[in-house]
Structure formats: C-alpha cells, structure tokens
C-alpha cells in the first residue's frame, strides 16, 4: 500500500511498483484533498493499481485496507503555507499523526 497514492510521489511509486511487479496487488490510499490529485486516478486505474479513498489521520481508513506486506508512506501536507496564519493542527495531524498511524 502506498499512502498519498494519488499525489505526485505516491502515484509515481504506485505506477512503478505495478509496472515492475505486474502480479502484485498495489493499493494507493489517498484523501484527494490536494487539488489535482484526482487527475491521477485514471492513470492508476489503467495501470491496475487499486485506489482506496481514505485519510492517514483516521486509523480506521488504513485498517479498512486489511493486512499488507509493505506500506510506503508518501502522504503529507507539503505546503509550507498550510499552517501559516492559522492553526497548524491540520499539518501536524497529517504529517506527524498520520505517519504514526501508518507505523501502528
């Protein structure tokens, strides 16, 4: 499973894995919050990558996928301005707590 799987890095990794391991089940989990990430869905589908709409901030979203052999954590709020001038809670919850949920 690749979290942030519809983002630039996550979708590239998902496609690479599927291309190089065509018999492997590759799952891309993403919340599609970042504008433009939905544009990756057709490419993922065409390559045979499974898409799951979910959010790393919610442990149950990760858990719904079921057991996986590998988890590659690419989810993040990359914008340096995301927490500027407002509460940094979203950035902290996504980048820190989301990573912790993936580790659990």
N, C-alpha and C. Protein backbone atom coordinates (compact mmCIF):
# COMPACT_ATOMS: atom_id res chain seq x y z
N UNK A 1 0.85 -1.17 0.00
CA UNK A 1 0.00 0.00 0.00
C UNK A 1 0.89 1.23 0.00
N UNK A 2 0.49 2.21 -0.80
CA UNK A 2 1.18 3.49 -0.86
C UNK A 2 0.20 4.55 -0.37
N UNK A 3 0.52 5.20 0.75
CA UNK A 3 -0.33 6.29 1.23
C UNK A 3 0.06 7.55 0.48
N UNK A 4 -0.90 8.44 0.31
CA UNK A 4 -0.64 9.59 -0.56
C UNK A 4 -0.52 9.12 -2.00
N UNK A 5 -1.18 8.02 -2.29
CA UNK A 5 -1.01 7.33 -3.56
C UNK A 5 -1.51 8.05 -4.79
N UNK A 6 -2.26 9.13 -4.63
CA UNK A 6 -2.71 9.90 -5.79
C UNK A 6 -1.89 11.18 -5.95
N UNK A 7 -0.96 11.42 -5.03
CA UNK A 7 -0.08 12.57 -5.15
C UNK A 7 1.03 12.31 -6.16
N UNK A 8 1.87 13.30 -6.37
CA UNK A 8 2.94 13.17 -7.37
C UNK A 8 3.88 12.02 -7.05
N UNK A 9 4.42 12.02 -5.84
CA UNK A 9 5.38 10.97 -5.46
C UNK A 9 4.68 9.63 -5.29
N UNK A 10 3.56 9.62 -4.56
CA UNK A 10 2.86 8.37 -4.29
C UNK A 10 2.35 7.69 -5.55
N UNK A 11 1.81 8.46 -6.49
CA UNK A 11 1.32 7.85 -7.73
C UNK A 11 2.47 7.34 -8.58
N UNK A 12 3.57 8.06 -8.59
CA UNK A 12 4.75 7.60 -9.34
C UNK A 12 5.27 6.28 -8.78
N UNK A 13 5.32 6.17 -7.47
CA UNK A 13 5.78 4.93 -6.84
C UNK A 13 4.79 3.80 -7.11
N UNK A 14 3.50 4.09 -6.98
CA UNK A 14 2.47 3.07 -7.24
C UNK A 14 2.57 2.53 -8.66
N UNK A 15 2.72 3.42 -9.62
CA UNK A 15 2.82 3.01 -11.03
C UNK A 15 4.11 2.23 -11.27
N UNK A 16 5.20 2.67 -10.67
CA UNK A 16 6.48 1.96 -10.80
C UNK A 16 6.36 0.53 -10.26
N UNK A 17 5.77 0.41 -9.08
CA UNK A 17 5.62 -0.92 -8.47
C UNK A 17 4.77 -1.83 -9.35
N UNK A 18 3.67 -1.32 -9.85
CA UNK A 18 2.78 -2.15 -10.67
C UNK A 18 3.45 -2.53 -11.99
N UNK A 19 4.18 -1.60 -12.57
CA UNK A 19 4.87 -1.86 -13.83
C UNK A 19 5.95 -2.93 -13.66
N UNK A 20 6.65 -2.89 -12.53
CA UNK A 20 7.75 -3.82 -12.29
C UNK A 20 7.34 -5.10 -11.58
N UNK A 21 6.17 -5.11 -10.99
CA UNK A 21 5.63 -6.29 -10.33
C UNK A 21 4.17 -6.43 -10.75
N UNK A 22 3.92 -6.80 -12.02
CA UNK A 22 2.56 -6.79 -12.54
C UNK A 22 1.58 -7.71 -11.82
N UNK A 23 2.07 -8.74 -11.15
CA UNK A 23 1.18 -9.65 -10.43
C UNK A 23 0.94 -9.22 -8.99
N UNK A 24 1.61 -8.18 -8.55
CA UNK A 24 1.46 -7.71 -7.17
C UNK A 24 0.18 -6.88 -7.04
N UNK A 25 -0.42 -6.95 -5.88
CA UNK A 25 -1.57 -6.10 -5.56
C UNK A 25 -1.00 -4.79 -5.03
N UNK A 26 -1.19 -3.72 -5.77
CA UNK A 26 -0.71 -2.40 -5.36
C UNK A 26 -1.93 -1.55 -5.05
N UNK A 27 -1.94 -0.98 -3.85
CA UNK A 27 -3.07 -0.18 -3.37
C UNK A 27 -2.58 1.24 -3.12
N UNK A 28 -3.29 2.21 -3.67
CA UNK A 28 -2.99 3.63 -3.44
C UNK A 28 -4.09 4.20 -2.56
N UNK A 29 -3.73 4.65 -1.36
CA UNK A 29 -4.68 5.26 -0.44
C UNK A 29 -4.45 6.77 -0.44
N UNK A 30 -5.51 7.54 -0.61
CA UNK A 30 -5.36 8.99 -0.64
C UNK A 30 -6.69 9.63 -0.26
N UNK A 31 -6.63 10.81 0.36
CA UNK A 31 -7.86 11.51 0.72
C UNK A 31 -8.30 12.51 -0.36
N UNK A 32 -7.49 12.67 -1.40
CA UNK A 32 -7.79 13.55 -2.53
C UNK A 32 -8.01 15.00 -2.10
N UNK A 33 -7.42 15.41 -0.99
CA UNK A 33 -7.59 16.78 -0.51
C UNK A 33 -6.83 17.78 -1.38
N UNK A 34 -5.67 17.38 -1.82
CA UNK A 34 -4.83 18.29 -2.60
C UNK A 34 -5.39 18.42 -4.01
N UNK A 35 -5.60 19.65 -4.42
CA UNK A 35 -6.16 19.91 -5.75
C UNK A 35 -5.29 19.28 -6.84
N UNK A 36 -5.92 18.60 -7.75
CA UNK A 36 -5.22 17.96 -8.85
C UNK A 36 -4.91 16.49 -8.62
N UNK A 37 -4.96 16.04 -7.37
CA UNK A 37 -4.64 14.64 -7.10
C UNK A 37 -5.64 13.69 -7.76
N UNK A 38 -6.86 14.17 -7.95
CA UNK A 38 -7.87 13.32 -8.60
C UNK A 38 -7.52 13.02 -10.05
N UNK A 39 -6.63 13.81 -10.63
CA UNK A 39 -6.22 13.59 -12.01
C UNK A 39 -5.37 12.33 -12.16
N UNK A 40 -4.83 11.83 -11.07
CA UNK A 40 -4.03 10.60 -11.11
C UNK A 40 -4.88 9.34 -11.14
N UNK A 41 -6.15 9.45 -10.80
CA UNK A 41 -6.98 8.25 -10.64
C UNK A 41 -7.10 7.43 -11.92
N UNK A 42 -7.25 8.07 -13.05
CA UNK A 42 -7.39 7.33 -14.31
C UNK A 42 -6.11 6.56 -14.63
N UNK A 43 -4.95 7.20 -14.43
CA UNK A 43 -3.67 6.52 -14.70
C UNK A 43 -3.49 5.33 -13.77
N UNK A 44 -3.84 5.50 -12.50
CA UNK A 44 -3.72 4.40 -11.54
C UNK A 44 -4.63 3.25 -11.95
N UNK A 45 -5.86 3.57 -12.27
CA UNK A 45 -6.83 2.54 -12.68
C UNK A 45 -6.36 1.81 -13.93
N UNK A 46 -5.92 2.56 -14.92
CA UNK A 46 -5.47 1.95 -16.18
C UNK A 46 -4.27 1.03 -15.98
N UNK A 47 -3.45 1.33 -14.98
CA UNK A 47 -2.26 0.51 -14.70
C UNK A 47 -2.59 -0.70 -13.82
N UNK A 48 -3.81 -0.75 -13.29
CA UNK A 48 -4.19 -1.87 -12.42
C UNK A 48 -3.91 -1.64 -10.95
N UNK A 49 -3.68 -0.38 -10.58
CA UNK A 49 -3.48 -0.03 -9.17
C UNK A 49 -4.85 0.19 -8.54
N UNK A 50 -5.09 -0.44 -7.40
CA UNK A 50 -6.36 -0.26 -6.68
C UNK A 50 -6.31 1.08 -5.94
N UNK A 51 -7.40 1.82 -6.01
CA UNK A 51 -7.48 3.09 -5.28
C UNK A 51 -8.45 2.94 -4.12
N UNK A 52 -8.03 3.42 -2.95
CA UNK A 52 -8.88 3.46 -1.76
C UNK A 52 -8.93 4.90 -1.29
N UNK A 53 -10.14 5.46 -1.19
CA UNK A 53 -10.29 6.82 -0.66
C UNK A 53 -10.22 6.73 0.85
N UNK A 54 -9.18 7.29 1.42
CA UNK A 54 -9.01 7.25 2.87
C UNK A 54 -8.02 8.30 3.31
N UNK A 55 -7.92 8.46 4.60
CA UNK A 55 -7.11 9.51 5.20
C UNK A 55 -6.22 8.92 6.29
N UNK A 56 -4.92 9.16 6.21
CA UNK A 56 -4.00 8.60 7.21
C UNK A 56 -4.26 9.14 8.61
N UNK A 57 -4.97 10.25 8.71
CA UNK A 57 -5.30 10.78 10.04
C UNK A 57 -6.31 9.89 10.75
N UNK A 58 -7.01 9.06 9.99
CA UNK A 58 -8.02 8.15 10.54
C UNK A 58 -7.48 6.72 10.48
N UNK A 59 -7.11 6.18 11.62
CA UNK A 59 -6.53 4.83 11.65
C UNK A 59 -7.47 3.81 11.00
N UNK A 60 -8.76 3.99 11.18
CA UNK A 60 -9.72 3.05 10.60
C UNK A 60 -9.66 3.03 9.07
N UNK A 61 -9.30 4.15 8.46
CA UNK A 61 -9.17 4.19 7.00
C UNK A 61 -8.00 3.32 6.53
N UNK A 62 -6.93 3.32 7.29
CA UNK A 62 -5.78 2.48 6.97
C UNK A 62 -6.14 1.02 7.22
N UNK A 63 -6.79 0.80 8.34
CA UNK A 63 -7.15 -0.56 8.75
C UNK A 63 -8.13 -1.23 7.78
N UNK A 64 -9.00 -0.44 7.15
CA UNK A 64 -10.01 -0.99 6.23
C UNK A 64 -9.38 -1.71 5.03
N UNK A 65 -8.16 -1.37 4.70
CA UNK A 65 -7.47 -1.99 3.57
C UNK A 65 -7.16 -3.45 3.88
N UNK A 66 -6.96 -3.73 5.15
CA UNK A 66 -6.59 -5.09 5.55
C UNK A 66 -5.08 -5.23 5.62
N UNK A 67 -4.61 -6.43 5.88
CA UNK A 67 -3.17 -6.62 6.03
C UNK A 67 -2.44 -6.40 4.70
N UNK A 68 -1.29 -5.78 4.78
CA UNK A 68 -0.44 -5.56 3.61
C UNK A 68 0.98 -6.01 3.95
N UNK A 69 1.72 -6.40 2.93
CA UNK A 69 3.11 -6.80 3.14
C UNK A 69 4.02 -5.59 3.29
N UNK A 70 3.70 -4.52 2.57
CA UNK A 70 4.53 -3.31 2.61
C UNK A 70 3.63 -2.09 2.68
N UNK A 71 4.11 -1.07 3.38
CA UNK A 71 3.43 0.22 3.40
C UNK A 71 4.49 1.28 3.11
N UNK A 72 4.27 2.04 2.06
CA UNK A 72 5.17 3.14 1.71
C UNK A 72 4.41 4.42 2.01
N UNK A 73 4.92 5.21 2.95
CA UNK A 73 4.23 6.39 3.46
C UNK A 73 4.63 7.63 2.66
N UNK A 74 3.76 8.05 1.76
CA UNK A 74 4.01 9.25 0.94
C UNK A 74 3.00 10.36 1.22
N UNK A 75 2.11 10.15 2.18
CA UNK A 75 1.11 11.18 2.45
C UNK A 75 1.77 12.31 3.23
N UNK A 76 1.38 13.53 2.90
CA UNK A 76 1.91 14.69 3.60
C UNK A 76 1.14 15.93 3.16
N UNK A 77 1.21 16.93 3.98
CA UNK A 77 0.80 18.27 3.57
C UNK A 77 2.10 18.99 3.25
N UNK A 78 2.46 19.07 1.97
CA UNK A 78 3.78 19.61 1.62
C UNK A 78 3.85 21.13 1.61
N UNK A 79 2.72 21.80 1.62
CA UNK A 79 2.73 23.25 1.51
C UNK A 79 3.30 23.90 2.77
N UNK A 80 4.28 24.75 2.58
CA UNK A 80 4.86 25.46 3.73
C UNK A 80 3.88 26.50 4.27
N UNK A 81 2.88 26.86 3.49
CA UNK A 81 1.92 27.87 3.92
C UNK A 81 0.65 27.27 4.54
N UNK A 82 0.56 25.95 4.58
CA UNK A 82 -0.66 25.30 5.08
C UNK A 82 -0.98 25.69 6.51
N UNK A 83 0.02 25.86 7.35
CA UNK A 83 -0.23 26.22 8.74
C UNK A 83 0.05 27.68 9.05
N UNK A 84 0.39 28.44 8.04
CA UNK A 84 0.75 29.84 8.22
C UNK A 84 -0.50 30.69 8.43
N UNK A 85 -0.51 31.45 9.50
CA UNK A 85 -1.61 32.35 9.77
C UNK A 85 -2.86 31.68 10.31
N UNK A 86 -2.77 30.41 10.59
CA UNK A 86 -3.90 29.68 11.15
C UNK A 86 -3.35 28.56 12.03
N UNK A 87 -4.20 27.77 12.57
CA UNK A 87 -3.75 26.67 13.42
C UNK A 87 -2.96 25.66 12.60
N UNK A 88 -1.82 25.22 13.13
CA UNK A 88 -1.03 24.20 12.42
C UNK A 88 -1.56 22.79 12.65
N UNK A 89 -2.76 22.65 13.21
CA UNK A 89 -3.29 21.33 13.58
C UNK A 89 -3.40 20.39 12.38
N UNK A 90 -3.87 20.90 11.24
CA UNK A 90 -4.02 20.03 10.07
C UNK A 90 -2.66 19.48 9.62
N UNK A 91 -1.67 20.35 9.57
CA UNK A 91 -0.33 19.93 9.14
C UNK A 91 0.23 18.91 10.12
N UNK A 92 0.10 19.18 11.41
CA UNK A 92 0.60 18.26 12.44
C UNK A 92 -0.14 16.93 12.39
N UNK A 93 -1.46 16.98 12.27
CA UNK A 93 -2.23 15.74 12.23
C UNK A 93 -1.90 14.90 11.01
N UNK A 94 -1.70 15.53 9.88
CA UNK A 94 -1.39 14.78 8.66
C UNK A 94 0.05 14.28 8.67
N UNK A 95 0.99 15.18 8.86
CA UNK A 95 2.40 14.84 8.70
C UNK A 95 2.98 14.05 9.87
N UNK A 96 2.49 14.25 11.06
CA UNK A 96 3.03 13.54 12.22
C UNK A 96 2.10 12.40 12.65
N UNK A 97 0.87 12.74 13.01
CA UNK A 97 -0.05 11.70 13.49
C UNK A 97 -0.39 10.70 12.39
N UNK A 98 -0.48 11.16 11.15
CA UNK A 98 -0.73 10.25 10.04
C UNK A 98 0.39 9.24 9.89
N UNK A 99 1.63 9.71 10.02
CA UNK A 99 2.78 8.80 9.94
C UNK A 99 2.76 7.80 11.09
N UNK A 100 2.39 8.26 12.27
CA UNK A 100 2.30 7.36 13.43
C UNK A 100 1.22 6.30 13.18
N UNK A 101 0.07 6.71 12.64
CA UNK A 101 -0.98 5.74 12.32
C UNK A 101 -0.47 4.69 11.34
N UNK A 102 0.32 5.10 10.38
CA UNK A 102 0.88 4.14 9.41
C UNK A 102 1.83 3.16 10.09
N UNK A 103 2.60 3.64 11.04
CA UNK A 103 3.54 2.77 11.74
C UNK A 103 2.82 1.75 12.62
N UNK A 104 1.69 2.13 13.16
CA UNK A 104 0.94 1.21 14.02
C UNK A 104 0.32 0.12 13.18
